[in-house]
N, C-alpha and C. Protein backbone atom coordinates (compact mmCIF):
# COMPACT_ATOMS: atom_id res chain seq x y z
N MET A 1 48.36 178.11 50.39
CA MET A 1 48.93 179.24 50.71
C MET A 1 47.68 180.49 50.87
N ALA A 2 47.02 180.86 51.74
CA ALA A 2 45.84 181.56 51.80
C ALA A 2 45.83 182.54 50.82
N CYS A 3 44.79 182.99 50.40
CA CYS A 3 44.78 184.02 49.29
C CYS A 3 44.69 185.37 50.50
N ARG A 4 45.24 186.34 50.27
CA ARG A 4 45.30 187.59 51.38
C ARG A 4 44.05 188.39 51.22
N GLY A 5 42.97 187.93 49.90
CA GLY A 5 41.54 188.62 49.91
C GLY A 5 40.59 188.21 50.42
N SER A 6 39.48 189.04 51.03
CA SER A 6 38.56 188.26 52.04
C SER A 6 37.19 187.64 51.03
N ALA A 7 36.71 186.90 51.31
CA ALA A 7 35.62 186.44 50.47
C ALA A 7 34.41 187.37 49.88
N ASP A 8 34.53 188.75 50.44
CA ASP A 8 33.52 189.70 49.88
C ASP A 8 34.19 190.09 48.36
N GLU A 9 35.88 190.09 48.26
CA GLU A 9 36.40 190.09 47.37
C GLU A 9 36.45 189.19 46.01
N CYS A 10 35.99 187.74 46.54
CA CYS A 10 35.97 186.92 45.76
C CYS A 10 34.95 187.36 44.54
N ARG A 11 35.21 187.23 42.98
CA ARG A 11 33.77 187.52 41.87
C ARG A 11 33.18 186.54 41.54
N GLY A 12 33.68 185.07 41.63
CA GLY A 12 32.95 183.97 42.03
C GLY A 12 33.71 183.71 40.52
N ASP A 13 34.60 184.11 39.88
CA ASP A 13 34.81 183.56 38.54
C ASP A 13 36.28 183.12 38.93
N GLY A 14 36.47 182.90 40.11
CA GLY A 14 38.07 181.61 40.45
C GLY A 14 38.71 183.00 40.99
N PHE A 15 38.82 184.35 40.65
CA PHE A 15 39.59 185.03 40.92
C PHE A 15 38.97 186.28 42.21
N CYS A 16 40.44 186.75 42.66
CA CYS A 16 39.72 187.93 43.44
C CYS A 16 40.88 188.97 43.51
N GLY A 17 40.91 189.90 44.15
CA GLY A 17 41.50 191.43 43.68
C GLY A 17 42.80 191.27 44.81
N SER A 18 43.04 190.28 45.38
CA SER A 18 44.29 190.19 46.56
C SER A 18 45.36 190.56 45.31
N ASP A 19 46.59 190.45 46.14
CA ASP A 19 47.78 190.51 45.39
C ASP A 19 48.45 189.11 45.28
N THR A 20 47.83 188.49 45.89
CA THR A 20 48.09 186.35 45.65
C THR A 20 47.63 186.64 44.34
N ILE A 21 46.51 186.67 44.28
CA ILE A 21 46.20 186.24 42.52
C ILE A 21 47.01 186.99 41.12
N ARG A 22 47.50 188.49 41.66
CA ARG A 22 48.01 188.94 40.91
C ARG A 22 49.78 188.61 40.65
N THR A 23 50.00 188.27 41.38
CA THR A 23 51.24 187.49 41.83
C THR A 23 51.84 186.37 41.44
N SER A 24 50.31 185.86 41.39
CA SER A 24 50.73 183.94 41.28
C SER A 24 49.43 183.86 40.35
N PRO A 25 50.12 183.82 39.19
CA PRO A 25 48.81 183.49 38.43
C PRO A 25 48.24 182.08 38.35
N ASN A 26 48.65 181.15 38.68
CA ASN A 26 48.61 179.90 38.76
C ASN A 26 47.51 179.36 39.56
N ILE A 27 47.39 180.25 40.95
CA ILE A 27 46.61 179.92 41.84
C ILE A 27 45.33 181.11 42.23
N VAL A 28 44.10 179.99 42.12
CA VAL A 28 43.08 180.74 41.75
C VAL A 28 42.42 180.55 43.47
N CYS A 29 41.60 181.75 43.30
CA CYS A 29 40.86 181.97 44.62
C CYS A 29 39.06 181.39 44.56
N SER A 30 39.29 179.98 46.00
CA SER A 30 37.52 179.80 45.43
C SER A 30 37.11 179.14 47.19
N ALA A 31 36.03 179.87 46.90
CA ALA A 31 35.53 179.21 48.11
C ALA A 31 34.47 178.48 48.29
N ALA A 32 33.81 177.59 47.29
CA ALA A 32 33.36 176.27 47.06
C ALA A 32 33.71 175.13 47.95
N CYS A 33 35.11 175.30 47.96
CA CYS A 33 35.94 173.77 48.87
C CYS A 33 36.17 174.39 50.00
N ASN A 34 35.97 175.59 50.76
CA ASN A 34 35.86 175.55 51.80
C ASN A 34 34.18 175.91 52.79
N ASP A 35 34.40 176.85 53.96
CA ASP A 35 33.53 177.23 54.67
C ASP A 35 32.92 178.60 54.31
N GLY A 36 33.44 179.15 52.62
CA GLY A 36 32.89 180.60 52.53
C GLY A 36 34.70 181.49 52.32
N ARG A 37 35.59 181.01 53.30
CA ARG A 37 36.83 182.17 53.44
C ARG A 37 37.71 181.80 51.93
N ALA A 38 37.71 182.99 51.77
CA ALA A 38 38.59 182.86 50.34
C ALA A 38 39.96 182.47 50.30
N VAL A 39 40.16 181.02 49.58
CA VAL A 39 41.68 180.73 49.69
C VAL A 39 42.03 180.41 48.67
N ALA A 40 43.52 180.48 48.60
CA ALA A 40 44.13 180.00 47.23
C ALA A 40 44.06 178.54 47.32
N SER A 41 42.97 177.91 45.64
CA SER A 41 43.18 176.63 45.92
C SER A 41 43.46 175.95 44.16
N PRO A 42 44.38 175.54 44.10
CA PRO A 42 44.79 175.43 42.64
C PRO A 42 44.68 173.66 42.79
N LEU A 43 43.73 173.01 44.12
CA LEU A 43 43.87 171.57 43.81
C LEU A 43 42.06 171.26 43.38
N CYS A 44 42.01 170.68 42.34
CA CYS A 44 40.76 169.28 42.56
C CYS A 44 39.65 169.53 43.74
N CYS A 45 38.92 169.85 43.92
CA CYS A 45 37.57 170.13 45.45
C CYS A 45 37.71 168.11 45.63
N LYS A 46 37.54 167.28 44.71
CA LYS A 46 37.36 165.80 44.73
C LYS A 46 38.31 165.17 45.29
N CYS A 47 39.30 165.15 44.07
CA CYS A 47 40.89 163.99 44.68
C CYS A 47 41.67 164.96 45.58
N LYS A 48 41.36 166.00 45.27
CA LYS A 48 42.48 167.26 46.07
C LYS A 48 43.93 166.62 45.73
N GLU A 49 44.35 166.14 44.29
CA GLU A 49 45.82 166.33 44.16
C GLU A 49 46.06 166.64 42.70
N ARG A 50 45.36 166.70 41.93
CA ARG A 50 45.67 167.31 40.30
C ARG A 50 45.29 168.65 40.46
N PRO A 51 45.34 169.41 39.80
CA PRO A 51 44.59 171.34 39.68
C PRO A 51 43.71 171.16 38.98
N ALA A 52 42.96 171.93 39.34
CA ALA A 52 41.71 172.13 39.16
C ALA A 52 41.60 172.82 37.45
N GLU A 53 40.57 172.24 36.58
CA GLU A 53 41.06 172.58 35.55
C GLU A 53 39.23 173.47 34.97
N ALA A 54 38.60 173.17 35.63
CA ALA A 54 37.19 173.30 35.05
C ALA A 54 36.33 173.64 36.35
N LYS A 55 35.29 174.46 36.25
CA LYS A 55 34.42 174.72 37.35
C LYS A 55 32.67 173.59 37.16
N ALA A 56 32.53 172.58 37.91
CA ALA A 56 31.36 172.11 38.19
C ALA A 56 30.37 172.22 38.50
N ASN A 57 28.64 172.41 38.00
CA ASN A 57 28.08 173.09 38.81
C ASN A 57 28.08 174.59 39.40
N GLN A 58 29.05 175.25 39.40
CA GLN A 58 29.65 176.39 39.36
C GLN A 58 29.61 176.88 40.36
N THR A 59 30.34 175.51 41.32
CA THR A 59 30.74 175.40 42.63
C THR A 59 31.78 174.62 43.06
N GLU A 60 32.35 173.30 42.04
CA GLU A 60 32.89 172.87 42.59
C GLU A 60 34.25 173.01 41.34
N ASP A 61 35.32 173.21 41.70
CA ASP A 61 36.66 173.28 40.70
C ASP A 61 37.38 171.83 41.12
N LEU A 62 37.24 171.34 39.45
CA LEU A 62 37.51 169.68 39.28
C LEU A 62 38.45 169.90 38.50
N CYS A 63 39.29 168.24 38.79
CA CYS A 63 40.03 168.67 37.36
C CYS A 63 39.74 167.68 36.46
N GLY A 64 40.31 167.45 35.12
CA GLY A 64 40.16 167.03 33.99
C GLY A 64 39.45 165.33 34.25
N GLY A 65 40.40 164.77 35.02
CA GLY A 65 39.66 163.31 35.54
C GLY A 65 38.35 163.07 36.32
N CYS A 66 38.33 163.99 37.14
CA CYS A 66 36.84 164.14 37.98
C CYS A 66 35.96 165.01 37.51
N LEU A 67 36.31 165.86 36.51
CA LEU A 67 35.15 166.34 35.38
C LEU A 67 34.04 165.26 34.92
N ARG A 68 35.79 164.25 34.11
CA ARG A 68 34.55 163.21 33.46
C ARG A 68 34.11 161.96 34.38
N SER A 69 34.41 161.88 35.46
CA SER A 69 34.07 160.94 36.17
C SER A 69 32.22 161.77 36.69
N SER A 70 32.69 162.77 36.95
CA SER A 70 31.36 163.20 37.56
C SER A 70 30.33 163.38 36.40
N LEU A 71 30.75 163.57 34.66
CA LEU A 71 29.81 164.53 33.54
C LEU A 71 29.20 162.48 33.61
N PHE A 72 30.30 161.27 33.49
CA PHE A 72 29.72 160.00 33.28
C PHE A 72 29.01 159.43 34.23
N ALA A 73 29.16 159.90 35.28
CA ALA A 73 28.32 159.16 36.46
C ALA A 73 26.60 159.97 36.32
N LYS A 74 26.80 161.24 35.93
CA LYS A 74 25.53 162.28 35.66
C LYS A 74 24.61 161.39 34.33
N PHE A 75 25.50 161.21 33.52
CA PHE A 75 24.75 160.98 32.00
C PHE A 75 24.40 159.64 32.37
N LYS A 76 24.86 158.72 33.25
CA LYS A 76 24.56 157.45 33.49
C LYS A 76 23.23 157.42 34.42
N LEU A 77 23.20 157.69 35.23
CA LEU A 77 22.00 158.31 36.47
C LEU A 77 20.88 158.32 35.54
N ALA A 78 21.05 159.50 34.96
CA ALA A 78 19.52 159.84 33.89
C ALA A 78 19.36 158.95 33.04
N VAL A 79 20.16 158.13 32.00
CA VAL A 79 19.37 157.28 31.23
C VAL A 79 19.12 155.87 32.09
N THR A 80 20.06 155.48 32.74
CA THR A 80 19.28 154.59 33.35
C THR A 80 18.26 154.69 34.56
N SER A 81 18.08 155.92 35.13
CA SER A 81 16.75 155.81 35.86
C SER A 81 15.41 156.39 35.15
N HIS A 82 15.54 156.58 34.11
CA HIS A 82 14.31 157.16 33.14
C HIS A 82 14.08 156.45 31.66
N SER A 83 15.00 154.81 31.89
CA SER A 83 14.97 153.95 30.68
C SER A 83 14.86 154.42 29.84
N MET A 84 16.22 154.81 28.98
CA MET A 84 15.84 156.19 27.93
C MET A 84 16.50 155.24 26.51
N ILE A 85 17.72 154.24 27.07
CA ILE A 85 18.18 153.78 26.21
C ILE A 85 17.82 151.93 26.57
N ASN A 86 17.39 150.92 25.24
CA ASN A 86 17.17 149.91 25.27
C ASN A 86 18.75 149.44 25.06
N PRO A 87 19.22 148.18 25.43
CA PRO A 87 20.49 147.51 25.54
C PRO A 87 20.55 147.36 23.60
N SER A 88 19.32 147.23 22.67
CA SER A 88 19.88 147.02 21.60
C SER A 88 19.78 148.24 20.49
N ASP A 89 19.68 149.46 21.13
CA ASP A 89 19.84 150.64 20.65
C ASP A 89 21.52 150.67 20.67
N ASN A 90 21.77 152.01 18.92
CA ASN A 90 22.40 152.24 19.14
C ASN A 90 22.37 153.98 19.15
N VAL A 91 23.49 154.40 19.76
CA VAL A 91 23.89 155.53 20.69
C VAL A 91 24.88 156.48 20.34
N LEU A 92 24.32 157.89 19.73
CA LEU A 92 25.69 158.57 19.22
C LEU A 92 25.48 159.65 20.37
N VAL A 93 26.76 160.26 21.41
CA VAL A 93 26.43 161.38 22.31
C VAL A 93 27.23 162.51 21.25
N ALA A 94 26.49 163.89 21.61
CA ALA A 94 27.73 164.47 21.29
C ALA A 94 27.71 165.70 22.78
N PHE A 95 28.70 165.99 22.93
CA PHE A 95 28.72 166.70 23.95
C PHE A 95 29.46 168.23 23.29
N SER A 96 29.20 169.06 23.64
CA SER A 96 30.30 170.38 23.30
C SER A 96 31.11 170.97 24.51
N GLY A 97 30.36 171.05 25.78
CA GLY A 97 30.77 171.86 26.69
C GLY A 97 30.32 172.87 27.37
N GLY A 98 29.21 173.57 26.18
CA GLY A 98 28.20 174.13 26.10
C GLY A 98 27.78 174.44 27.72
N SER A 99 26.80 175.60 27.58
CA SER A 99 25.81 175.46 29.09
C SER A 99 25.29 174.65 28.44
N ALA A 100 24.80 174.59 27.25
CA ALA A 100 23.26 173.76 26.85
C ALA A 100 23.62 172.24 26.87
N SER A 101 25.04 171.96 26.91
CA SER A 101 25.20 170.57 26.63
C SER A 101 25.32 169.63 28.04
């Protein structure tokens, strides 16, 4: 279902000023998954199967599973590319979900 709002009405927080959003609270407007047009996008940008739950990099609406996969892959790449951990090291990872994590 297309959002009746224009791309100019998108506020960047996943909602726009159109009636579609006010009458359908489970459908959000997202310009990140398309060519800049504001459309109702309740699905994950990556798998296109499950509802989006979070925004990654302020551009992608992802479901929980795809978000976890994305975070794991980025963490693994950072650790392995910089040789941060040796096989004999004990590691504790804390992730709060805040902007500094």
